[in-house]
Amino acid sequence: EPVVFSRRKPNQGNVAELKELNEVFDYIR
């Protein structure tokens, strides 16, 4: 069964709404 990804947009790099440090770290890297 295929799983389809959508191309991420530049505004999705905003870390303002993230709650966990590891999430912020992952977004940066």
Full PDB file with SEQRES, HELIX, SHEET, SSBOND, CRYST1, ORIGX, SCALE, CONECT and MASTER records, all heavy atoms in Angstrom:
SEQRES   1 A   29  GLU PRO VAL VAL PHE SER ARG ARG LYS PRO ASN GLN GLY          
SEQRES   2 A   29  ASN VAL ALA GLU LEU LYS GLU LEU ASN GLU VAL PHE ASP          
SEQRES   3 A   29  TYR ILE ARG                                                  
HELIX    1 AA1 PRO A   10  GLY A   13  5                                   4    
HELIX    2 AA2 LEU A   21  ILE A   28  1                                   8    
CRYST1    1.000    1.000    1.000  90.00  90.00  90.00 P 1           1          
ORIGX1      1.000000  0.000000  0.000000        0.00000                         
ORIGX2      0.000000  1.000000  0.000000        0.00000                         
ORIGX3      0.000000  0.000000  1.000000        0.00000                         
SCALE1      1.000000  0.000000  0.000000        0.00000                         
SCALE2      0.000000  1.000000  0.000000        0.00000                         
SCALE3      0.000000  0.000000  1.000000        0.00000                         
ATOM      1  N   GLU A   1       0.833  -1.193   0.000  1.00  0.00           N  
ATOM      2  CA  GLU A   1       0.000   0.000   0.000  1.00  0.00           C  
ATOM      3  C   GLU A   1       0.874   1.252   0.000  1.00  0.00           C  
ATOM      4  O   GLU A   1       1.696   1.444   0.905  1.00  0.00           O  
ATOM      5  CB  GLU A   1      -0.909   0.018   1.226  1.00  0.00           C  
ATOM      6  CG  GLU A   1      -1.930   1.137   1.246  1.00  0.00           C  
ATOM      7  CD  GLU A   1      -2.988   0.956   0.174  1.00  0.00           C  
ATOM      8  OE1 GLU A   1      -3.230  -0.199  -0.251  1.00  0.00           O  
ATOM      9  OE2 GLU A   1      -3.586   1.972  -0.234  1.00  0.00           O  
ATOM     10  N   PRO A   2       0.738   2.138  -0.982  1.00  0.00           N  
ATOM     11  CA  PRO A   2       1.571   3.340  -1.021  1.00  0.00           C  
ATOM     12  C   PRO A   2       1.253   4.309   0.115  1.00  0.00           C  
ATOM     13  O   PRO A   2       0.098   4.443   0.536  1.00  0.00           O  
ATOM     14  CB  PRO A   2       1.223   3.970  -2.377  1.00  0.00           C  
ATOM     15  CG  PRO A   2       0.556   2.892  -3.156  1.00  0.00           C  
ATOM     16  CD  PRO A   2      -0.133   2.016  -2.162  1.00  0.00           C  
ATOM     17  N   VAL A   3       2.279   4.964   0.611  1.00  0.00           N  
ATOM     18  CA  VAL A   3       2.135   6.110   1.508  1.00  0.00           C  
ATOM     19  C   VAL A   3       2.770   7.284   0.777  1.00  0.00           C  
ATOM     20  O   VAL A   3       3.935   7.221   0.376  1.00  0.00           O  
ATOM     21  CB  VAL A   3       2.839   5.871   2.855  1.00  0.00           C  
ATOM     22  CG1 VAL A   3       2.807   7.148   3.697  1.00  0.00           C  
ATOM     23  CG2 VAL A   3       2.195   4.710   3.591  1.00  0.00           C  
ATOM     24  N   VAL A   4       1.998   8.350   0.579  1.00  0.00           N  
ATOM     25  CA  VAL A   4       2.443   9.476  -0.235  1.00  0.00           C  
ATOM     26  C   VAL A   4       2.801  10.662   0.658  1.00  0.00           C  
ATOM     27  O   VAL A   4       2.008  11.051   1.524  1.00  0.00           O  
ATOM     28  CB  VAL A   4       1.363   9.874  -1.256  1.00  0.00           C  
ATOM     29  CG1 VAL A   4       1.826  11.075  -2.078  1.00  0.00           C  
ATOM     30  CG2 VAL A   4       1.030   8.693  -2.167  1.00  0.00           C  
ATOM     31  N   PHE A   5       3.987  11.223   0.435  1.00  0.00           N  
ATOM     32  CA  PHE A   5       4.421  12.418   1.142  1.00  0.00           C  
ATOM     33  C   PHE A   5       4.090  13.656   0.312  1.00  0.00           C  
ATOM     34  O   PHE A   5       4.173  13.627  -0.918  1.00  0.00           O  
ATOM     35  CB  PHE A   5       5.938  12.400   1.367  1.00  0.00           C  
ATOM     36  CG  PHE A   5       6.418  11.380   2.370  1.00  0.00           C  
ATOM     37  CD1 PHE A   5       7.766  11.039   2.417  1.00  0.00           C  
ATOM     38  CD2 PHE A   5       5.555  10.771   3.266  1.00  0.00           C  
ATOM     39  CE1 PHE A   5       8.231  10.120   3.345  1.00  0.00           C  
ATOM     40  CE2 PHE A   5       6.011   9.845   4.192  1.00  0.00           C  
ATOM     41  CZ  PHE A   5       7.357   9.520   4.231  1.00  0.00           C  
ATOM     42  N   SER A   6       3.753  14.734   0.988  1.00  0.00           N  
ATOM     43  CA  SER A   6       3.587  16.032   0.330  1.00  0.00           C  
ATOM     44  C   SER A   6       4.873  16.831   0.465  1.00  0.00           C  
ATOM     45  O   SER A   6       5.541  16.782   1.517  1.00  0.00           O  
ATOM     46  CB  SER A   6       2.436  16.818   0.962  1.00  0.00           C  
ATOM     47  OG  SER A   6       1.205  16.146   0.781  1.00  0.00           O  
ATOM     48  N   ARG A   7       5.225  17.548  -0.599  1.00  0.00           N  
ATOM     49  CA  ARG A   7       6.418  18.380  -0.533  1.00  0.00           C  
ATOM     50  C   ARG A   7       6.231  19.451   0.542  1.00  0.00           C  
ATOM     51  O   ARG A   7       5.213  20.147   0.582  1.00  0.00           O  
ATOM     52  CB  ARG A   7       6.672  19.046  -1.887  1.00  0.00           C  
ATOM     53  CG  ARG A   7       7.976  19.859  -1.919  1.00  0.00           C  
ATOM     54  CD  ARG A   7       8.266  20.377  -3.305  1.00  0.00           C  
ATOM     55  NE  ARG A   7       8.462  19.295  -4.258  1.00  0.00           N  
ATOM     56  CZ  ARG A   7       9.588  18.604  -4.406  1.00  0.00           C  
ATOM     57  NH1 ARG A   7      10.625  18.891  -3.641  1.00  0.00           N  
ATOM     58  NH2 ARG A   7       9.672  17.643  -5.307  1.00  0.00           N  
ATOM     59  N   ARG A   8       7.203  19.547   1.432  1.00  0.00           N  
ATOM     60  CA  ARG A   8       7.116  20.520   2.514  1.00  0.00           C  
ATOM     61  C   ARG A   8       7.432  21.920   1.998  1.00  0.00           C  
ATOM     62  O   ARG A   8       8.237  22.102   1.098  1.00  0.00           O  
ATOM     63  CB  ARG A   8       8.061  20.131   3.655  1.00  0.00           C  
ATOM     64  CG  ARG A   8       7.584  18.877   4.374  1.00  0.00           C  
ATOM     65  CD  ARG A   8       8.552  18.471   5.496  1.00  0.00           C  
ATOM     66  NE  ARG A   8       8.634  19.480   6.531  1.00  0.00           N  
ATOM     67  CZ  ARG A   8       7.799  19.572   7.565  1.00  0.00           C  
ATOM     68  NH1 ARG A   8       6.802  18.709   7.697  1.00  0.00           N  
ATOM     69  NH2 ARG A   8       7.947  20.516   8.466  1.00  0.00           N  
ATOM     70  N   LYS A   9       6.774  22.919   2.604  1.00  0.00           N  
ATOM     71  CA  LYS A   9       6.924  24.304   2.194  1.00  0.00           C  
ATOM     72  C   LYS A   9       7.813  25.049   3.191  1.00  0.00           C  
ATOM     73  O   LYS A   9       7.946  24.638   4.352  1.00  0.00           O  
ATOM     74  CB  LYS A   9       5.545  24.963   2.111  1.00  0.00           C  
ATOM     75  CG  LYS A   9       4.629  24.277   1.096  1.00  0.00           C  
ATOM     76  CD  LYS A   9       3.239  24.898   1.110  1.00  0.00           C  
ATOM     77  CE  LYS A   9       2.323  24.199   0.105  1.00  0.00           C  
ATOM     78  NZ  LYS A   9       0.945  24.759   0.110  1.00  0.00           N  
ATOM     79  N   PRO A  10       8.454  26.139   2.761  1.00  0.00           N  
ATOM     80  CA  PRO A  10       9.357  26.872   3.651  1.00  0.00           C  
ATOM     81  C   PRO A  10       8.732  27.283   4.975  1.00  0.00           C  
ATOM     82  O   PRO A  10       9.401  27.252   6.023  1.00  0.00           O  
ATOM     83  CB  PRO A  10       9.758  28.096   2.814  1.00  0.00           C  
ATOM     84  CG  PRO A  10       9.658  27.621   1.408  1.00  0.00           C  
ATOM     85  CD  PRO A  10       8.483  26.681   1.384  1.00  0.00           C  
ATOM     86  N   ASN A  11       7.433  27.640   4.978  1.00  0.00           N  
ATOM     87  CA  ASN A  11       6.813  28.087   6.237  1.00  0.00           C  
ATOM     88  C   ASN A  11       6.625  26.952   7.235  1.00  0.00           C  
ATOM     89  O   ASN A  11       6.340  27.190   8.415  1.00  0.00           O  
ATOM     90  CB  ASN A  11       5.481  28.786   5.967  1.00  0.00           C  
ATOM     91  CG  ASN A  11       4.435  27.878   5.322  1.00  0.00           C  
ATOM     92  OD1 ASN A  11       4.684  26.700   5.081  1.00  0.00           O  
ATOM     93  ND2 ASN A  11       3.269  28.438   5.039  1.00  0.00           N  
ATOM     94  N   GLN A  12       6.799  25.701   6.786  1.00  0.00           N  
ATOM     95  CA  GLN A  12       6.702  24.574   7.709  1.00  0.00           C  
ATOM     96  C   GLN A  12       7.983  24.389   8.531  1.00  0.00           C  
ATOM     97  O   GLN A  12       8.028  23.517   9.393  1.00  0.00           O  
ATOM     98  CB  GLN A  12       6.390  23.286   6.938  1.00  0.00           C  
ATOM     99  CG  GLN A  12       4.984  23.256   6.360  1.00  0.00           C  
ATOM    100  CD  GLN A  12       4.698  21.989   5.592  1.00  0.00           C  
ATOM    101  OE1 GLN A  12       5.142  21.803   4.467  1.00  0.00           O  
ATOM    102  NE2 GLN A  12       3.952  21.088   6.216  1.00  0.00           N  
ATOM    103  N   GLY A  13       8.994  25.221   8.288  1.00  0.00           N  
ATOM    104  CA  GLY A  13      10.207  25.188   9.098  1.00  0.00           C  
ATOM    105  C   GLY A  13      10.104  26.027  10.358  1.00  0.00           C  
ATOM    106  O   GLY A  13      11.056  26.115  11.134  1.00  0.00           O  
ATOM    107  N   ASN A  14       8.942  26.624  10.602  1.00  0.00           N  
ATOM    108  CA  ASN A  14       8.730  27.454  11.787  1.00  0.00           C  
ATOM    109  C   ASN A  14       8.654  26.564  13.034  1.00  0.00           C  
ATOM    110  O   ASN A  14       7.820  25.663  13.116  1.00  0.00           O  
ATOM    111  CB  ASN A  14       7.439  28.246  11.624  1.00  0.00           C  
ATOM    112  CG  ASN A  14       7.280  29.329  12.665  1.00  0.00           C  
ATOM    113  OD1 ASN A  14       7.949  29.322  13.684  1.00  0.00           O  
ATOM    114  ND2 ASN A  14       6.375  30.266  12.406  1.00  0.00           N  
ATOM    115  N   VAL A  15       9.517  26.817  14.014  1.00  0.00           N  
ATOM    116  CA  VAL A  15       9.569  25.984  15.225  1.00  0.00           C  
ATOM    117  C   VAL A  15       8.722  26.570  16.363  1.00  0.00           C  
ATOM    118  O   VAL A  15       8.735  26.036  17.477  1.00  0.00           O  
ATOM    119  CB  VAL A  15      11.027  25.797  15.700  1.00  0.00           C  
ATOM    120  CG1 VAL A  15      11.866  25.158  14.618  1.00  0.00           C  
ATOM    121  CG2 VAL A  15      11.646  27.121  16.157  1.00  0.00           C  
ATOM    122  N   ALA A  16       7.974  27.636  16.090  1.00  0.00           N  
ATOM    123  CA  ALA A  16       7.253  28.344  17.158  1.00  0.00           C  
ATOM    124  C   ALA A  16       6.249  27.462  17.877  1.00  0.00           C  
ATOM    125  O   ALA A  16       6.020  27.636  19.082  1.00  0.00           O  
ATOM    126  CB  ALA A  16       6.560  29.581  16.580  1.00  0.00           C  
ATOM    127  N   GLU A  17       5.627  26.537  17.172  1.00  0.00           N  
ATOM    128  CA  GLU A  17       4.566  25.730  17.776  1.00  0.00           C  
ATOM    129  C   GLU A  17       5.081  24.397  18.341  1.00  0.00           C  
ATOM    130  O   GLU A  17       4.285  23.620  18.882  1.00  0.00           O  
ATOM    131  CB  GLU A  17       3.466  25.461  16.741  1.00  0.00           C  
ATOM    132  CG  GLU A  17       2.808  26.711  16.180  1.00  0.00           C  
ATOM    133  CD  GLU A  17       2.142  27.545  17.266  1.00  0.00           C  
ATOM    134  OE1 GLU A  17       1.556  26.952  18.198  1.00  0.00           O  
ATOM    135  OE2 GLU A  17       2.222  28.789  17.186  1.00  0.00           O  
ATOM    136  N   LEU A  18       6.365  24.118  18.215  1.00  0.00           N  
ATOM    137  CA  LEU A  18       6.903  22.850  18.718  1.00  0.00           C  
ATOM    138  C   LEU A  18       7.021  22.895  20.237  1.00  0.00           C  
ATOM    139  O   LEU A  18       7.318  23.934  20.830  1.00  0.00           O  
ATOM    140  CB  LEU A  18       8.262  22.567  18.082  1.00  0.00           C  
ATOM    141  CG  LEU A  18       8.273  22.465  16.549  1.00  0.00           C  
ATOM    142  CD1 LEU A  18       9.686  22.172  16.053  1.00  0.00           C  
ATOM    143  CD2 LEU A  18       7.293  21.408  16.058  1.00  0.00           C  
ATOM    144  N   LYS A  19       6.823  21.731  20.882  1.00  0.00           N  
ATOM    145  CA  LYS A  19       6.815  21.665  22.341  1.00  0.00           C  
ATOM    146  C   LYS A  19       7.995  20.910  22.928  1.00  0.00           C  
ATOM    147  O   LYS A  19       8.310  21.074  24.106  1.00  0.00           O  
ATOM    148  CB  LYS A  19       5.515  21.009  22.811  1.00  0.00           C  
ATOM    149  CG  LYS A  19       4.255  21.779  22.418  1.00  0.00           C  
ATOM    150  CD  LYS A  19       3.000  21.054  22.873  1.00  0.00           C  
ATOM    151  CE  LYS A  19       1.751  21.814  22.472  1.00  0.00           C  
ATOM    152  NZ  LYS A  19       0.500  21.121  22.894  1.00  0.00           N  
ATOM    153  N   GLU A  20       8.636  20.070  22.132  1.00  0.00           N  
ATOM    154  CA  GLU A  20       9.727  19.234  22.641  1.00  0.00           C  
ATOM    155  C   GLU A  20      11.054  19.642  22.016  1.00  0.00           C  
ATOM    156  O   GLU A  20      11.120  19.966  20.831  1.00  0.00           O  
ATOM    157  CB  GLU A  20       9.446  17.759  22.336  1.00  0.00           C  
ATOM    158  CG  GLU A  20       8.141  17.238  22.910  1.00  0.00           C  
ATOM    159  CD  GLU A  20       8.126  17.229  24.428  1.00  0.00           C  
ATOM    160  OE1 GLU A  20       9.214  17.166  25.034  1.00  0.00           O  
ATOM    161  OE2 GLU A  20       7.018  17.292  25.006  1.00  0.00           O  
ATOM    162  N   LEU A  21      12.120  19.576  22.826  1.00  0.00           N  
ATOM    163  CA  LEU A  21      13.437  19.958  22.332  1.00  0.00           C  
ATOM    164  C   LEU A  21      13.902  19.075  21.183  1.00  0.00           C  
ATOM    165  O   LEU A  21      14.514  19.555  20.234  1.00  0.00           O  
ATOM    166  CB  LEU A  21      14.456  19.906  23.472  1.00  0.00           C  
ATOM    167  CG  LEU A  21      14.463  21.087  24.442  1.00  0.00           C  
ATOM    168  CD1 LEU A  21      15.438  20.820  25.579  1.00  0.00           C  
ATOM    169  CD2 LEU A  21      14.843  22.367  23.721  1.00  0.00           C  
ATOM    170  N   ASN A  22      13.611  17.791  21.272  1.00  0.00           N  
ATOM    171  CA  ASN A  22      14.072  16.901  20.206  1.00  0.00           C  
ATOM    172  C   ASN A  22      13.382  17.226  18.876  1.00  0.00           C  
ATOM    173  O   ASN A  22      13.964  17.040  17.801  1.00  0.00           O  
ATOM    174  CB  ASN A  22      13.854  15.437  20.582  1.00  0.00           C  
ATOM    175  CG  ASN A  22      12.393  15.099  20.759  1.00  0.00           C  
ATOM    176  OD1 ASN A  22      11.688  15.726  21.547  1.00  0.00           O  
ATOM    177  ND2 ASN A  22      11.924  14.094  20.037  1.00  0.00           N  
ATOM    178  N   GLU A  23      12.148  17.744  18.950  1.00  0.00           N  
ATOM    179  CA  GLU A  23      11.461  18.161  17.730  1.00  0.00           C  
ATOM    180  C   GLU A  23      12.154  19.383  17.122  1.00  0.00           C  
ATOM    181  O   GLU A  23      12.352  19.457  15.905  1.00  0.00           O  
ATOM    182  CB  GLU A  23      10.003  18.500  18.029  1.00  0.00           C  
ATOM    183  CG  GLU A  23       9.138  17.314  18.403  1.00  0.00           C  
ATOM    184  CD  GLU A  23       7.710  17.743  18.690  1.00  0.00           C  
ATOM    185  OE1 GLU A  23       7.509  18.669  19.499  1.00  0.00           O  
ATOM    186  OE2 GLU A  23       6.796  17.152  18.095  1.00  0.00           O  
ATOM    187  N   VAL A  24      12.502  20.341  17.963  1.00  0.00           N  
ATOM    188  CA  VAL A  24      13.207  21.532  17.489  1.00  0.00           C  
ATOM    189  C   VAL A  24      14.550  21.128  16.874  1.00  0.00           C  
ATOM    190  O   VAL A  24      14.922  21.594  15.786  1.00  0.00           O  
ATOM    191  CB  VAL A  24      13.423  22.539  18.634  1.00  0.00           C  
ATOM    192  CG1 VAL A  24      14.257  23.732  18.147  1.00  0.00           C  
ATOM    193  CG2 VAL A  24      12.093  23.007  19.193  1.00  0.00           C  
ATOM    194  N   PHE A  25      15.269  20.257  17.547  1.00  0.00           N  
ATOM    195  CA  PHE A  25      16.552  19.778  17.055  1.00  0.00           C  
ATOM    196  C   PHE A  25      16.397  19.117  15.685  1.00  0.00           C  
ATOM    197  O   PHE A  25      17.175  19.374  14.753  1.00  0.00           O  
ATOM    198  CB  PHE A  25      17.148  18.789  18.064  1.00  0.00           C  
ATOM    199  CG  PHE A  25      18.404  18.121  17.598  1.00  0.00           C  
ATOM    200  CD1 PHE A  25      19.574  18.844  17.432  1.00  0.00           C  
ATOM    201  CD2 PHE A  25      18.424  16.751  17.337  1.00  0.00           C  
ATOM    202  CE1 PHE A  25      20.747  18.224  16.998  1.00  0.00           C  
ATOM    203  CE2 PHE A  25      19.580  16.125  16.912  1.00  0.00           C  
ATOM    204  CZ  PHE A  25      20.744  16.861  16.744  1.00  0.00           C  
ATOM    205  N   ASP A  26      15.380  18.283  15.534  1.00  0.00           N  
ATOM    206  CA  ASP A  26      15.148  17.608  14.258  1.00  0.00           C  
ATOM    207  C   ASP A  26      14.812  18.603  13.150  1.00  0.00           C  
ATOM    208  O   ASP A  26      15.265  18.462  12.013  1.00  0.00           O  
ATOM    209  CB  ASP A  26      14.030  16.572  14.390  1.00  0.00           C  
ATOM    210  CG  ASP A  26      14.497  15.282  15.034  1.00  0.00           C  
ATOM    211  OD1 ASP A  26      15.729  15.050  15.089  1.00  0.00           O  
ATOM    212  OD2 ASP A  26      13.637  14.498  15.476  1.00  0.00           O  
ATOM    213  N   TYR A  27      14.007  19.619  13.463  1.00  0.00           N  
ATOM    214  CA  TYR A  27      13.662  20.620  12.453  1.00  0.00           C  
ATOM    215  C   TYR A  27      14.919  21.356  11.977  1.00  0.00           C  
ATOM    216  O   TYR A  27      15.078  21.609  10.779  1.00  0.00           O  
ATOM    217  CB  TYR A  27      12.663  21.638  13.028  1.00  0.00           C  
ATOM    218  CG  TYR A  27      11.220  21.315  12.740  1.00  0.00           C  
ATOM    219  CD1 TYR A  27      10.674  20.103  13.138  1.00  0.00           C  
ATOM    220  CD2 TYR A  27      10.395  22.215  12.083  1.00  0.00           C  
ATOM    221  CE1 TYR A  27       9.340  19.800  12.889  1.00  0.00           C  
ATOM    222  CE2 TYR A  27       9.059  21.922  11.825  1.00  0.00           C  
ATOM    223  CZ  TYR A  27       8.541  20.716  12.227  1.00  0.00           C  
ATOM    224  OH  TYR A  27       7.228  20.412  11.967  1.00  0.00           O  
ATOM    225  N   ILE A  28      15.790  21.692  12.919  1.00  0.00           N  
ATOM    226  CA  ILE A  28      16.998  22.431  12.536  1.00  0.00           C  
ATOM    227  C   ILE A  28      17.895  21.566  11.658  1.00  0.00           C  
ATOM    228  O   ILE A  28      18.343  21.987  10.593  1.00  0.00           O  
ATOM    229  CB  ILE A  28      17.765  22.922  13.779  1.00  0.00           C  
ATOM    230  CG1 ILE A  28      16.916  23.919  14.565  1.00  0.00           C  
ATOM    231  CG2 ILE A  28      19.087  23.571  13.374  1.00  0.00           C  
ATOM    232  CD1 ILE A  28      17.504  24.317  15.903  1.00  0.00           C  
ATOM    233  N   ARG A  29      18.151  20.334  12.090  1.00  0.00           N  
ATOM    234  CA  ARG A  29      19.116  19.492  11.355  1.00  0.00           C  
ATOM    235  C   ARG A  29      18.560  19.027  10.010  1.00  0.00           C  
ATOM    236  O   ARG A  29      19.299  18.916   9.033  1.00  0.00           O  
ATOM    237  CB  ARG A  29      19.545  18.300  12.205  1.00  0.00           C  
ATOM    238  CG  ARG A  29      18.499  17.207  12.401  1.00  0.00           C  
ATOM    239  CD  ARG A  29      19.020  16.106  13.313  1.00  0.00           C  
ATOM    240  NE  ARG A  29      18.063  15.005  13.468  1.00  0.00           N  
ATOM    241  CZ  ARG A  29      18.003  13.940  12.681  1.00  0.00           C  
ATOM    242  NH1 ARG A  29      18.860  13.815  11.687  1.00  0.00           N  
ATOM    243  NH2 ARG A  29      17.109  12.989  12.883  1.00  0.00           N  
TER     244      ARG A  29                                                      
MASTER        0    0    0    2    0    0    0    6  243    1    0    3          
END                                                                             
